[in-house]
């Protein structure tokens, strides 16, 4: 009798367990259906808002179809860049198309001459050098204040609400784009690369400083407590307990902002601040699309080169890269071409 009761209890328990499993599966399926419906509703809402935005901006499919032949013709012009103004040599010899590019490379002296030419807008090479210098110099000039505001903006360093004075300053700077900052400096320096450089430096204070502040908010307490236990003063705790933890991150962020600033330097040329942006704008104003394409080609080369150099430099600055050697060994490895190209393990 007891065995029958046990069998009944076991069957009842199994049925109850099975029912709970079915109920749970039903709940999961209902949740999935609701999630799918919500995702579809969200996608539909985004499409509706996008369509409304396009309508508000005056977009019509008929206009696209009507202007497509003109667009295609312009793209074909961009596909055949004209490097006549690549250097002073290509301009003087009237070398059009790719002949101006390869002809200048075959005469390296023309590259140097174009760089040294004071009127930087006369050649693509000169404008490219101006763009790179503006981006790099702006980063260097803005770095000290970015470090100052970034460190003091952290609540780990400056107690709330006093740290917000520095965070608020950086937020105010970030709220104004570099292309607007340059308008503040044009009355002082004129529409020159100097205005672009100071605009980038100001922009760097807000962007880089904020990144520095965020990094300091994530430092570990252990090293801070260890330094404090030795009787170190506040400045020593900040230097050796906090900044030592984020030194590599600060360098990495500085290099990243440098990449961004070179791109910004290109866009600032559109407002007459020199560099490749000004060259490209001038050519487009004359409807010389092939010559503008040559400038865009150099923009791509500069951006890729800066990003490649920055990424390889960041990898070379990793702590384990130079382990097991002295200072001169570290310097020697820094100029090891195979290691820069990733063909060497150490």
C-alpha atoms as a PDB file:
ATOM      1  CA  UNK A   1       0.000   0.000   0.000  1.00  0.00           C
ATOM      2  CA  UNK A   2       2.813   2.294   0.877  1.00  0.00           C
ATOM      3  CA  UNK A   3       4.564   1.486  -2.420  1.00  0.00           C
ATOM      4  CA  UNK A   4       1.452   2.529  -4.374  1.00  0.00           C
ATOM      5  CA  UNK A   5       1.323   5.779  -2.438  1.00  0.00           C
ATOM      6  CA  UNK A   6       4.980   6.406  -3.224  1.00  0.00           C
ATOM      7  CA  UNK A   7       4.319   5.795  -6.939  1.00  0.00           C
ATOM      8  CA  UNK A   8       1.407   8.229  -6.851  1.00  0.00           C
ATOM      9  CA  UNK A   9       3.530  10.853  -5.118  1.00  0.00           C
ATOM     10  CA  UNK A  10       6.371  10.415  -7.635  1.00  0.00           C
ATOM     11  CA  UNK A  11       4.000  10.679 -10.594  1.00  0.00           C
ATOM     12  CA  UNK A  12       2.385  13.712  -9.062  1.00  0.00           C
ATOM     13  CA  UNK A  13       5.767  15.335  -8.468  1.00  0.00           C
ATOM     14  CA  UNK A  14       6.821  14.640 -12.045  1.00  0.00           C
ATOM     15  CA  UNK A  15       3.588  16.073 -13.397  1.00  0.00           C
ATOM     16  CA  UNK A  16       3.981  19.134 -11.231  1.00  0.00           C
ATOM     17  CA  UNK A  17       7.584  19.593 -12.373  1.00  0.00           C
ATOM     18  CA  UNK A  18       6.571  19.151 -16.009  1.00  0.00           C
ATOM     19  CA  UNK A  19       3.816  21.707 -15.578  1.00  0.00           C
ATOM     20  CA  UNK A  20       6.233  24.207 -14.025  1.00  0.00           C
ATOM     21  CA  UNK A  21       8.624  23.701 -16.923  1.00  0.00           C
ATOM     22  CA  UNK A  22       5.798  24.271 -19.424  1.00  0.00           C
ATOM     23  CA  UNK A  23       4.702  27.387 -17.572  1.00  0.00           C
ATOM     24  CA  UNK A  24       8.263  28.701 -17.534  1.00  0.00           C
ATOM     25  CA  UNK A  25       8.701  28.007 -21.251  1.00  0.00           C
ATOM     26  CA  UNK A  26       5.419  29.795 -21.900  1.00  0.00           C
ATOM     27  CA  UNK A  27       6.662  32.822 -19.963  1.00  0.00           C
ATOM     28  CA  UNK A  28       9.936  32.852 -21.923  1.00  0.00           C
ATOM     29  CA  UNK A  29       8.073  32.594 -25.251  1.00  0.00           C
ATOM     30  CA  UNK A  30       5.724  35.419 -24.279  1.00  0.00           C
ATOM     31  CA  UNK A  31       8.692  37.579 -23.221  1.00  0.00           C
ATOM     32  CA  UNK A  32      10.405  36.863 -26.541  1.00  0.00           C
ATOM     33  CA  UNK A  33       7.264  37.768 -28.493  1.00  0.00           C
ATOM     34  CA  UNK A  34       6.911  41.013 -26.558  1.00  0.00           C
ATOM     35  CA  UNK A  35      10.604  41.786 -27.149  1.00  0.00           C
ATOM     36  CA  UNK A  36      10.226  41.136 -30.901  1.00  0.00           C
ATOM     37  CA  UNK A  37       7.147  43.354 -31.070  1.00  0.00           C
ATOM     38  CA  UNK A  38       8.932  46.138 -29.206  1.00  0.00           C
ATOM     39  CA  UNK A  39      11.980  45.873 -31.479  1.00  0.00           C
ATOM     40  CA  UNK A  40       9.779  46.007 -34.583  1.00  0.00           C
ATOM     41  CA  UNK A  41       7.915  48.992 -33.139  1.00  0.00           C
ATOM     42  CA  UNK A  42      11.223  50.715 -32.383  1.00  0.00           C
ATOM     43  CA  UNK A  43      12.532  50.038 -35.906  1.00  0.00           C
ATOM     44  CA  UNK A  44       9.289  51.331 -37.401  1.00  0.00           C
ATOM     45  CA  UNK A  45       9.490  54.442 -35.210  1.00  0.00           C
ATOM     46  CA  UNK A  46      13.062  55.123 -36.317  1.00  0.00           C
ATOM     47  CA  UNK A  47      12.071  54.736 -39.986  1.00  0.00           C
ATOM     48  CA  UNK A  48       9.112  57.068 -39.552  1.00  0.00           C
ATOM     49  CA  UNK A  49      11.240  59.702 -37.829  1.00  0.00           C
ATOM     50  CA  UNK A  50      13.939  59.348 -40.490  1.00  0.00           C
ATOM     51  CA  UNK A  51      11.383  59.788 -43.250  1.00  0.00           C
ATOM     52  CA  UNK A  52       9.947  62.822 -41.479  1.00  0.00           C
ATOM     53  CA  UNK A  53      13.443  64.288 -41.122  1.00  0.00           C
ATOM     54  CA  UNK A  54      14.196  63.772 -44.819  1.00  0.00           C
ATOM     55  CA  UNK A  55      10.902  65.392 -45.754  1.00  0.00           C
ATOM     56  CA  UNK A  56      11.630  68.337 -43.477  1.00  0.00           C
ATOM     57  CA  UNK A  57      15.038  68.786 -45.160  1.00  0.00           C
ATOM     58  CA  UNK A  58      13.390  68.814 -48.575  1.00  0.00           C
ATOM     59  CA  UNK A  59      14.583  65.413 -49.776  1.00  0.00           C
ATOM     60  CA  UNK A  60      12.745  63.985 -52.757  1.00  0.00           C
ATOM     61  CA  UNK A  61      13.522  60.870 -54.735  1.00  0.00           C
ATOM     62  CA  UNK A  62      12.682  62.696 -57.966  1.00  0.00           C
ATOM     63  CA  UNK A  63      15.439  65.240 -57.304  1.00  0.00           C
ATOM     64  CA  UNK A  64      17.944  62.435 -56.718  1.00  0.00           C
ATOM     65  CA  UNK A  65      17.009  60.741 -59.985  1.00  0.00           C
ATOM     66  CA  UNK A  66      17.162  64.068 -61.833  1.00  0.00           C
ATOM     67  CA  UNK A  67      20.595  64.988 -60.457  1.00  0.00           C
ATOM     68  CA  UNK A  68      22.114  61.524 -60.580  1.00  0.00           C
ATOM     69  CA  UNK A  69      23.867  62.011 -63.966  1.00  0.00           C
ATOM     70  CA  UNK A  70      25.551  65.159 -62.616  1.00  0.00           C
ATOM     71  CA  UNK A  71      26.550  63.307 -59.457  1.00  0.00           C
ATOM     72  CA  UNK A  72      27.973  60.423 -61.483  1.00  0.00           C
ATOM     73  CA  UNK A  73      29.950  62.816 -63.688  1.00  0.00           C
ATOM     74  CA  UNK A  74      31.450  64.493 -60.621  1.00  0.00           C
ATOM     75  CA  UNK A  75      32.392  61.124 -59.132  1.00  0.00           C
ATOM     76  CA  UNK A  76      34.157  60.201 -62.363  1.00  0.00           C
ATOM     77  CA  UNK A  77      36.133  63.447 -62.108  1.00  0.00           C
ATOM     78  CA  UNK A  78      37.101  62.569 -58.535  1.00  0.00           C
ATOM     79  CA  UNK A  79      38.234  59.144 -59.752  1.00  0.00           C
ATOM     80  CA  UNK A  80      40.860  60.800 -61.962  1.00  0.00           C
ATOM     81  CA  UNK A  81      42.857  63.089 -59.624  1.00  0.00           C
ATOM     82  CA  UNK A  82      44.987  65.811 -61.158  1.00  0.00           C
ATOM     83  CA  UNK A  83      48.278  66.366 -59.301  1.00  0.00           C
ATOM     84  CA  UNK A  84      49.377  69.389 -61.302  1.00  0.00           C
ATOM     85  CA  UNK A  85      49.737  71.423 -58.067  1.00  0.00           C
ATOM     86  CA  UNK A  86      51.280  68.604 -56.068  1.00  0.00           C
ATOM     87  CA  UNK A  87      54.630  70.440 -55.889  1.00  0.00           C
ATOM     88  CA  UNK A  88      56.133  73.573 -57.381  1.00  0.00           C
ATOM     89  CA  UNK A  89      57.936  71.308 -59.865  1.00  0.00           C
ATOM     90  CA  UNK A  90      54.755  69.653 -61.181  1.00  0.00           C
ATOM     91  CA  UNK A  91      53.093  73.058 -61.419  1.00  0.00           C
ATOM     92  CA  UNK A  92      56.024  74.637 -63.240  1.00  0.00           C
ATOM     93  CA  UNK A  93      56.370  71.725 -65.649  1.00  0.00           C
ATOM     94  CA  UNK A  94      52.576  71.555 -66.228  1.00  0.00           C
ATOM     95  CA  UNK A  95      52.452  67.874 -65.280  1.00  0.00           C
ATOM     96  CA  UNK A  96      48.796  66.872 -65.169  1.00  0.00           C
ATOM     97  CA  UNK A  97      47.149  63.766 -63.732  1.00  0.00           C
ATOM     98  CA  UNK A  98      49.300  61.196 -62.005  1.00  0.00           C
ATOM     99  CA  UNK A  99      52.321  62.492 -63.925  1.00  0.00           C
ATOM    100  CA  UNK A 100      52.522  65.373 -61.457  1.00  0.00           C
ATOM    101  CA  UNK A 101      52.607  62.926 -58.546  1.00  0.00           C
ATOM    102  CA  UNK A 102      55.207  60.511 -59.877  1.00  0.00           C
ATOM    103  CA  UNK A 103      57.219  63.272 -61.549  1.00  0.00           C
ATOM    104  CA  UNK A 104      57.540  65.046 -58.188  1.00  0.00           C
ATOM    105  CA  UNK A 105      58.571  61.826 -56.453  1.00  0.00           C
ATOM    106  CA  UNK A 106      61.239  61.346 -59.099  1.00  0.00           C
ATOM    107  CA  UNK A 107      62.599  64.774 -58.129  1.00  0.00           C
ATOM    108  CA  UNK A 108      62.847  64.696 -54.303  1.00  0.00           C
ATOM    109  CA  UNK A 109      64.272  68.201 -54.244  1.00  0.00           C
ATOM    110  CA  UNK A 110      60.907  69.508 -55.424  1.00  0.00           C
ATOM    111  CA  UNK A 111      59.268  68.097 -52.282  1.00  0.00           C
ATOM    112  CA  UNK A 112      61.699  69.955 -50.040  1.00  0.00           C
ATOM    113  CA  UNK A 113      61.304  73.137 -52.078  1.00  0.00           C
ATOM    114  CA  UNK A 114      57.509  72.942 -51.761  1.00  0.00           C
ATOM    115  CA  UNK A 115      57.755  72.463 -47.994  1.00  0.00           C
ATOM    116  CA  UNK A 116      60.099  75.430 -47.560  1.00  0.00           C
ATOM    117  CA  UNK A 117      57.971  77.684 -49.760  1.00  0.00           C
ATOM    118  CA  UNK A 118      56.457  80.386 -47.535  1.00  0.00           C
ATOM    119  CA  UNK A 119      53.229  80.549 -49.522  1.00  0.00           C
ATOM    120  CA  UNK A 120      51.995  77.117 -48.416  1.00  0.00           C
ATOM    121  CA  UNK A 121      48.838  77.241 -50.508  1.00  0.00           C
ATOM    122  CA  UNK A 122      50.759  76.941 -53.786  1.00  0.00           C
ATOM    123  CA  UNK A 123      51.234  73.161 -53.532  1.00  0.00           C
ATOM    124  CA  UNK A 124      49.519  70.126 -52.057  1.00  0.00           C
ATOM    125  CA  UNK A 125      52.726  69.058 -50.322  1.00  0.00           C
ATOM    126  CA  UNK A 126      53.102  72.456 -48.628  1.00  0.00           C
ATOM    127  CA  UNK A 127      49.435  72.437 -47.575  1.00  0.00           C
ATOM    128  CA  UNK A 128      49.835  68.907 -46.203  1.00  0.00           C
ATOM    129  CA  UNK A 129      52.792  69.921 -44.055  1.00  0.00           C
ATOM    130  CA  UNK A 130      50.804  72.891 -42.710  1.00  0.00           C
ATOM    131  CA  UNK A 131      47.909  70.579 -41.815  1.00  0.00           C
ATOM    132  CA  UNK A 132      50.147  68.133 -39.955  1.00  0.00           C
ATOM    133  CA  UNK A 133      51.995  70.903 -38.099  1.00  0.00           C
ATOM    134  CA  UNK A 134      48.734  72.580 -37.066  1.00  0.00           C
ATOM    135  CA  UNK A 135      47.336  69.307 -35.706  1.00  0.00           C
ATOM    136  CA  UNK A 136      50.485  68.270 -33.838  1.00  0.00           C
ATOM    137  CA  UNK A 137      51.337  71.727 -32.492  1.00  0.00           C
ATOM    138  CA  UNK A 138      47.774  72.332 -31.345  1.00  0.00           C
ATOM    139  CA  UNK A 139      47.868  69.075 -29.396  1.00  0.00           C
ATOM    140  CA  UNK A 140      51.175  69.934 -27.720  1.00  0.00           C
ATOM    141  CA  UNK A 141      50.056  73.468 -26.808  1.00  0.00           C
ATOM    142  CA  UNK A 142      46.772  72.226 -25.359  1.00  0.00           C
ATOM    143  CA  UNK A 143      48.243  69.252 -23.484  1.00  0.00           C
ATOM    144  CA  UNK A 144      49.486  71.078 -20.325  1.00  0.00           C
ATOM    145  CA  UNK A 145      46.126  72.725 -19.624  1.00  0.00           C
ATOM    146  CA  UNK A 146      44.320  69.487 -20.514  1.00  0.00           C
ATOM    147  CA  UNK A 147      46.443  67.709 -17.909  1.00  0.00           C
ATOM    148  CA  UNK A 148      45.842  70.485 -15.366  1.00  0.00           C
ATOM    149  CA  UNK A 149      42.064  70.571 -15.780  1.00  0.00           C
ATOM    150  CA  UNK A 150      41.859  66.792 -16.193  1.00  0.00           C
ATOM    151  CA  UNK A 151      43.645  66.062 -12.923  1.00  0.00           C
ATOM    152  CA  UNK A 152      41.871  68.740 -10.867  1.00  0.00           C
ATOM    153  CA  UNK A 153      38.528  67.769 -12.411  1.00  0.00           C
ATOM    154  CA  UNK A 154      38.694  64.328 -10.801  1.00  0.00           C
ATOM    155  CA  UNK A 155      36.843  63.898  -7.502  1.00  0.00           C
ATOM    156  CA  UNK A 156      39.777  61.730  -6.375  1.00  0.00           C
ATOM    157  CA  UNK A 157      41.957  64.859  -6.438  1.00  0.00           C
ATOM    158  CA  UNK A 158      39.582  67.771  -5.830  1.00  0.00           C
ATOM    159  CA  UNK A 159      36.580  67.190  -3.559  1.00  0.00           C
ATOM    160  CA  UNK A 160      33.060  67.815  -4.834  1.00  0.00           C
ATOM    161  CA  UNK A 161      31.716  70.389  -5.658  1.00  0.00           C
ATOM    162  CA  UNK A 162      35.013  72.220  -6.247  1.00  0.00           C
ATOM    163  CA  UNK A 163      36.084  69.691  -8.896  1.00  0.00           C
ATOM    164  CA  UNK A 164      33.008  70.669 -10.890  1.00  0.00           C
ATOM    165  CA  UNK A 165      34.572  74.061 -11.574  1.00  0.00           C
ATOM    166  CA  UNK A 166      37.187  72.296 -13.701  1.00  0.00           C
ATOM    167  CA  UNK A 167      34.760  69.761 -15.170  1.00  0.00           C
ATOM    168  CA  UNK A 168      32.362  72.574 -16.036  1.00  0.00           C
ATOM    169  CA  UNK A 169      35.137  74.499 -17.777  1.00  0.00           C
ATOM    170  CA  UNK A 170      36.016  71.445 -19.858  1.00  0.00           C
ATOM    171  CA  UNK A 171      32.345  70.857 -20.678  1.00  0.00           C
ATOM    172  CA  UNK A 172      31.986  74.463 -21.822  1.00  0.00           C
ATOM    173  CA  UNK A 173      35.018  74.104 -24.089  1.00  0.00           C
ATOM    174  CA  UNK A 174      33.675  70.844 -25.547  1.00  0.00           C
ATOM    175  CA  UNK A 175      30.291  72.442 -26.193  1.00  0.00           C
ATOM    176  CA  UNK A 176      31.909  74.748 -28.773  1.00  0.00           C
ATOM    177  CA  UNK A 177      33.368  72.897 -31.792  1.00  0.00           C
ATOM    178  CA  UNK A 178      36.829  73.746 -33.087  1.00  0.00           C
ATOM    179  CA  UNK A 179      35.407  75.246 -36.263  1.00  0.00           C
ATOM    180  CA  UNK A 180      33.698  77.861 -34.056  1.00  0.00           C
ATOM    181  CA  UNK A 181      36.728  78.380 -31.820  1.00  0.00           C
ATOM    182  CA  UNK A 182      38.757  79.348 -34.875  1.00  0.00           C
ATOM    183  CA  UNK A 183      36.381  82.282 -35.419  1.00  0.00           C
ATOM    184  CA  UNK A 184      37.408  83.614 -32.002  1.00  0.00           C
ATOM    185  CA  UNK A 185      41.076  83.597 -32.988  1.00  0.00           C
ATOM    186  CA  UNK A 186      40.743  84.946 -36.540  1.00  0.00           C
ATOM    187  CA  UNK A 187      40.398  88.570 -35.288  1.00  0.00           C
ATOM    188  CA  UNK A 188      43.738  88.105 -33.485  1.00  0.00           C
ATOM    189  CA  UNK A 189      45.803  86.127 -35.995  1.00  0.00           C
ATOM    190  CA  UNK A 190      43.725  86.516 -39.139  1.00  0.00           C
ATOM    191  CA  UNK A 191      42.561  83.578 -41.284  1.00  0.00           C
ATOM    192  CA  UNK A 192      45.900  81.815 -40.919  1.00  0.00           C
ATOM    193  CA  UNK A 193      47.168  78.448 -39.665  1.00  0.00           C
ATOM    194  CA  UNK A 194      47.908  80.124 -36.318  1.00  0.00           C
ATOM    195  CA  UNK A 195      44.176  80.598 -35.739  1.00  0.00           C
ATOM    196  CA  UNK A 196      43.582  76.940 -36.547  1.00  0.00           C
ATOM    197  CA  UNK A 197      46.381  75.846 -34.223  1.00  0.00           C
ATOM    198  CA  UNK A 198      45.009  77.788 -31.222  1.00  0.00           C
ATOM    199  CA  UNK A 199      41.483  76.576 -31.988  1.00  0.00           C
ATOM    200  CA  UNK A 200      42.724  72.994 -31.878  1.00  0.00           C
ATOM    201  CA  UNK A 201      44.677  73.676 -28.688  1.00  0.00           C
ATOM    202  CA  UNK A 202      41.525  75.027 -27.022  1.00  0.00           C
ATOM    203  CA  UNK A 203      39.481  72.075 -28.230  1.00  0.00           C
ATOM    204  CA  UNK A 204      42.170  69.715 -26.921  1.00  0.00           C
ATOM    205  CA  UNK A 205      41.812  71.114 -23.395  1.00  0.00           C
ATOM    206  CA  UNK A 206      38.160  70.069 -23.255  1.00  0.00           C
ATOM    207  CA  UNK A 207      38.400  66.704 -25.008  1.00  0.00           C
ATOM    208  CA  UNK A 208      41.687  65.391 -23.657  1.00  0.00           C
ATOM    209  CA  UNK A 209      41.095  66.800 -20.172  1.00  0.00           C
ATOM    210  CA  UNK A 210      37.781  64.942 -19.913  1.00  0.00           C
ATOM    211  CA  UNK A 211      39.457  61.671 -20.882  1.00  0.00           C
ATOM    212  CA  UNK A 212      42.152  62.244 -18.259  1.00  0.00           C
ATOM    213  CA  UNK A 213      39.496  62.894 -15.606  1.00  0.00           C
ATOM    214  CA  UNK A 214      37.637  59.685 -16.458  1.00  0.00           C
ATOM    215  CA  UNK A 215      40.841  57.673 -16.233  1.00  0.00           C
ATOM    216  CA  UNK A 216      41.643  59.067 -12.769  1.00  0.00           C
ATOM    217  CA  UNK A 217      38.176  58.147 -11.529  1.00  0.00           C
ATOM    218  CA  UNK A 218      39.001  54.472 -12.156  1.00  0.00           C
ATOM    219  CA  UNK A 219      42.372  54.221 -10.346  1.00  0.00           C
ATOM    220  CA  UNK A 220      42.850  51.510  -7.689  1.00  0.00           C
ATOM    221  CA  UNK A 221      42.874  52.395  -4.001  1.00  0.00           C
ATOM    222  CA  UNK A 222      45.744  50.029  -3.124  1.00  0.00           C
ATOM    223  CA  UNK A 223      48.647  52.086  -4.510  1.00  0.00           C
ATOM    224  CA  UNK A 224      47.105  55.291  -3.084  1.00  0.00           C
ATOM    225  CA  UNK A 225      46.897  53.793   0.406  1.00  0.00           C
ATOM    226  CA  UNK A 226      50.430  52.403   0.108  1.00  0.00           C
ATOM    227  CA  UNK A 227      51.875  55.815  -0.775  1.00  0.00           C
ATOM    228  CA  UNK A 228      49.842  57.527   1.937  1.00  0.00           C
ATOM    229  CA  UNK A 229      51.083  55.068   4.568  1.00  0.00           C
ATOM    230  CA  UNK A 230      54.666  56.201   3.936  1.00  0.00           C
ATOM    231  CA  UNK A 231      53.809  59.726   5.129  1.00  0.00           C
ATOM    232  CA  UNK A 232      53.771  61.231   1.624  1.00  0.00           C
ATOM    233  CA  UNK A 233      52.102  64.603   1.192  1.00  0.00           C
ATOM    234  CA  UNK A 234      49.095  65.232  -1.069  1.00  0.00           C
ATOM    235  CA  UNK A 235      51.078  66.107  -4.189  1.00  0.00           C
ATOM    236  CA  UNK A 236      53.220  62.971  -3.805  1.00  0.00           C
ATOM    237  CA  UNK A 237      50.128  60.808  -3.372  1.00  0.00           C
ATOM    238  CA  UNK A 238      48.667  62.268  -6.572  1.00  0.00           C
ATOM    239  CA  UNK A 239      51.918  61.863  -8.514  1.00  0.00           C
ATOM    240  CA  UNK A 240      53.001  58.397  -7.362  1.00  0.00           C
ATOM    241  CA  UNK A 241      49.723  56.890  -6.217  1.00  0.00           C
ATOM    242  CA  UNK A 242      47.351  58.083  -8.937  1.00  0.00           C
ATOM    243  CA  UNK A 243      49.144  59.431 -12.005  1.00  0.00           C
ATOM    244  CA  UNK A 244      51.572  56.500 -12.032  1.00  0.00           C
ATOM    245  CA  UNK A 245      48.603  54.167 -12.571  1.00  0.00           C
ATOM    246  CA  UNK A 246      47.270  56.046 -15.583  1.00  0.00           C
ATOM    247  CA  UNK A 247      50.508  57.197 -17.248  1.00  0.00           C
ATOM    248  CA  UNK A 248      50.234  54.716 -20.139  1.00  0.00           C
ATOM    249  CA  UNK A 249      46.533  55.509 -20.590  1.00  0.00           C
ATOM    250  CA  UNK A 250      47.276  59.239 -20.681  1.00  0.00           C
ATOM    251  CA  UNK A 251      49.856  58.724 -23.429  1.00  0.00           C
ATOM    252  CA  UNK A 252      47.457  56.526 -25.410  1.00  0.00           C
ATOM    253  CA  UNK A 253      44.670  59.110 -25.152  1.00  0.00           C
ATOM    254  CA  UNK A 254      47.056  61.913 -26.120  1.00  0.00           C
ATOM    255  CA  UNK A 255      48.018  60.027 -29.275  1.00  0.00           C
ATOM    256  CA  UNK A 256      44.362  59.337 -30.055  1.00  0.00           C
ATOM    257  CA  UNK A 257      43.485  63.026 -29.690  1.00  0.00           C
ATOM    258  CA  UNK A 258      46.436  63.832 -31.968  1.00  0.00           C
ATOM    259  CA  UNK A 259      44.847  61.699 -34.690  1.00  0.00           C
ATOM    260  CA  UNK A 260      41.565  63.550 -34.250  1.00  0.00           C
ATOM    261  CA  UNK A 261      43.279  66.952 -34.268  1.00  0.00           C
ATOM    262  CA  UNK A 262      44.972  66.277 -37.609  1.00  0.00           C
ATOM    263  CA  UNK A 263      41.529  65.568 -39.066  1.00  0.00           C
ATOM    264  CA  UNK A 264      40.174  68.745 -37.464  1.00  0.00           C
ATOM    265  CA  UNK A 265      43.071  70.733 -38.959  1.00  0.00           C
ATOM    266  CA  UNK A 266      41.900  69.626 -42.394  1.00  0.00           C
ATOM    267  CA  UNK A 267      38.334  70.807 -41.782  1.00  0.00           C
ATOM    268  CA  UNK A 268      39.481  74.166 -40.354  1.00  0.00           C
ATOM    269  CA  UNK A 269      41.100  74.978 -43.678  1.00  0.00           C
ATOM    270  CA  UNK A 270      37.588  75.364 -45.097  1.00  0.00           C
ATOM    271  CA  UNK A 271      37.194  78.649 -43.190  1.00  0.00           C
ATOM    272  CA  UNK A 272      40.458  79.943 -44.642  1.00  0.00           C
ATOM    273  CA  UNK A 273      42.835  78.787 -41.900  1.00  0.00           C
ATOM    274  CA  UNK A 274      45.263  77.221 -44.375  1.00  0.00           C
ATOM    275  CA  UNK A 275      46.270  73.661 -45.101  1.00  0.00           C
ATOM    276  CA  UNK A 276      44.638  71.020 -47.244  1.00  0.00           C
ATOM    277  CA  UNK A 277      41.128  72.112 -46.350  1.00  0.00           C
ATOM    278  CA  UNK A 278      41.705  75.525 -47.895  1.00  0.00           C
ATOM    279  CA  UNK A 279      43.263  73.985 -51.012  1.00  0.00           C
ATOM    280  CA  UNK A 280      40.341  71.581 -51.499  1.00  0.00           C
ATOM    281  CA  UNK A 281      37.786  74.333 -50.932  1.00  0.00           C
ATOM    282  CA  UNK A 282      39.529  76.583 -53.465  1.00  0.00           C
ATOM    283  CA  UNK A 283      39.541  73.880 -56.117  1.00  0.00           C
ATOM    284  CA  UNK A 284      35.895  72.972 -55.519  1.00  0.00           C
ATOM    285  CA  UNK A 285      34.954  76.652 -55.804  1.00  0.00           C
ATOM    286  CA  UNK A 286      36.485  76.596 -59.291  1.00  0.00           C
ATOM    287  CA  UNK A 287      34.689  73.297 -60.065  1.00  0.00           C
ATOM    288  CA  UNK A 288      38.118  71.709 -60.548  1.00  0.00           C
ATOM    289  CA  UNK A 289      36.999  68.348 -59.179  1.00  0.00           C
ATOM    290  CA  UNK A 290      40.025  66.417 -60.448  1.00  0.00           C
ATOM    291  CA  UNK A 291      42.432  68.751 -58.652  1.00  0.00           C
ATOM    292  CA  UNK A 292      40.277  68.642 -55.511  1.00  0.00           C
ATOM    293  CA  UNK A 293      40.457  64.844 -55.712  1.00  0.00           C
ATOM    294  CA  UNK A 294      44.253  65.085 -55.523  1.00  0.00           C
ATOM    295  CA  UNK A 295      43.891  66.993 -52.250  1.00  0.00           C
ATOM    296  CA  UNK A 296      41.425  64.408 -50.923  1.00  0.00           C
ATOM    297  CA  UNK A 297      43.911  61.691 -51.857  1.00  0.00           C
ATOM    298  CA  UNK A 298      46.510  63.398 -49.683  1.00  0.00           C
ATOM    299  CA  UNK A 299      43.979  63.694 -46.847  1.00  0.00           C
ATOM    300  CA  UNK A 300      43.537  59.923 -46.919  1.00  0.00           C
ATOM    301  CA  UNK A 301      47.305  59.390 -46.994  1.00  0.00           C
ATOM    302  CA  UNK A 302      47.848  61.735 -44.019  1.00  0.00           C
ATOM    303  CA  UNK A 303      45.052  60.254 -41.905  1.00  0.00           C
ATOM    304  CA  UNK A 304      46.152  56.661 -42.510  1.00  0.00           C
ATOM    305  CA  UNK A 305      49.817  57.512 -41.909  1.00  0.00           C
ATOM    306  CA  UNK A 306      49.121  59.342 -38.635  1.00  0.00           C
ATOM    307  CA  UNK A 307      46.847  56.561 -37.391  1.00  0.00           C
ATOM    308  CA  UNK A 308      49.383  53.879 -38.342  1.00  0.00           C
ATOM    309  CA  UNK A 309      52.232  55.716 -36.645  1.00  0.00           C
ATOM    310  CA  UNK A 310      50.104  56.390 -33.558  1.00  0.00           C
ATOM    311  CA  UNK A 311      48.958  52.765 -33.205  1.00  0.00           C
ATOM    312  CA  UNK A 312      52.501  51.430 -33.590  1.00  0.00           C
ATOM    313  CA  UNK A 313      53.857  53.982 -31.105  1.00  0.00           C
ATOM    314  CA  UNK A 314      51.191  52.989 -28.571  1.00  0.00           C
ATOM    315  CA  UNK A 315      52.194  49.353 -28.955  1.00  0.00           C
ATOM    316  CA  UNK A 316      55.856  50.274 -28.471  1.00  0.00           C
ATOM    317  CA  UNK A 317      54.981  52.095 -25.240  1.00  0.00           C
ATOM    318  CA  UNK A 318      53.513  49.009 -23.586  1.00  0.00           C
ATOM    319  CA  UNK A 319      55.342  48.208 -20.351  1.00  0.00           C
ATOM    320  CA  UNK A 320      56.329  44.687 -21.426  1.00  0.00           C
ATOM    321  CA  UNK A 321      57.781  45.822 -24.744  1.00  0.00           C
ATOM    322  CA  UNK A 322      61.081  47.005 -23.288  1.00  0.00           C
ATOM    323  CA  UNK A 323      61.392  44.563 -20.416  1.00  0.00           C
ATOM    324  CA  UNK A 324      64.757  42.941 -19.957  1.00  0.00           C
ATOM    325  CA  UNK A 325      67.105  45.674 -21.143  1.00  0.00           C
ATOM    326  CA  UNK A 326      68.656  48.993 -20.314  1.00  0.00           C
ATOM    327  CA  UNK A 327      67.890  52.450 -21.567  1.00  0.00           C
ATOM    328  CA  UNK A 328      70.010  52.204 -24.720  1.00  0.00           C
ATOM    329  CA  UNK A 329      68.489  48.816 -25.544  1.00  0.00           C
ATOM    330  CA  UNK A 330      65.033  50.370 -25.257  1.00  0.00           C
ATOM    331  CA  UNK A 331      66.010  53.217 -27.591  1.00  0.00           C
ATOM    332  CA  UNK A 332      67.523  50.760 -30.056  1.00  0.00           C
ATOM    333  CA  UNK A 333      64.370  48.639 -30.069  1.00  0.00           C
ATOM    334  CA  UNK A 334      62.273  51.761 -30.606  1.00  0.00           C
ATOM    335  CA  UNK A 335      63.898  52.178 -34.031  1.00  0.00           C
ATOM    336  CA  UNK A 336      63.701  48.500 -34.951  1.00  0.00           C
ATOM    337  CA  UNK A 337      61.779  48.474 -38.236  1.00  0.00           C
ATOM    338  CA  UNK A 338      60.789  44.811 -37.996  1.00  0.00           C
ATOM    339  CA  UNK A 339      59.234  45.360 -34.572  1.00  0.00           C
ATOM    340  CA  UNK A 340      57.302  48.390 -35.841  1.00  0.00           C
ATOM    341  CA  UNK A 341      55.937  46.263 -38.684  1.00  0.00           C
ATOM    342  CA  UNK A 342      55.026  43.445 -36.289  1.00  0.00           C
ATOM    343  CA  UNK A 343      57.530  40.972 -37.766  1.00  0.00           C
ATOM    344  CA  UNK A 344      59.413  40.438 -34.514  1.00  0.00           C
ATOM    345  CA  UNK A 345      58.102  38.903 -31.302  1.00  0.00           C
ATOM    346  CA  UNK A 346      60.424  40.923 -29.017  1.00  0.00           C
END
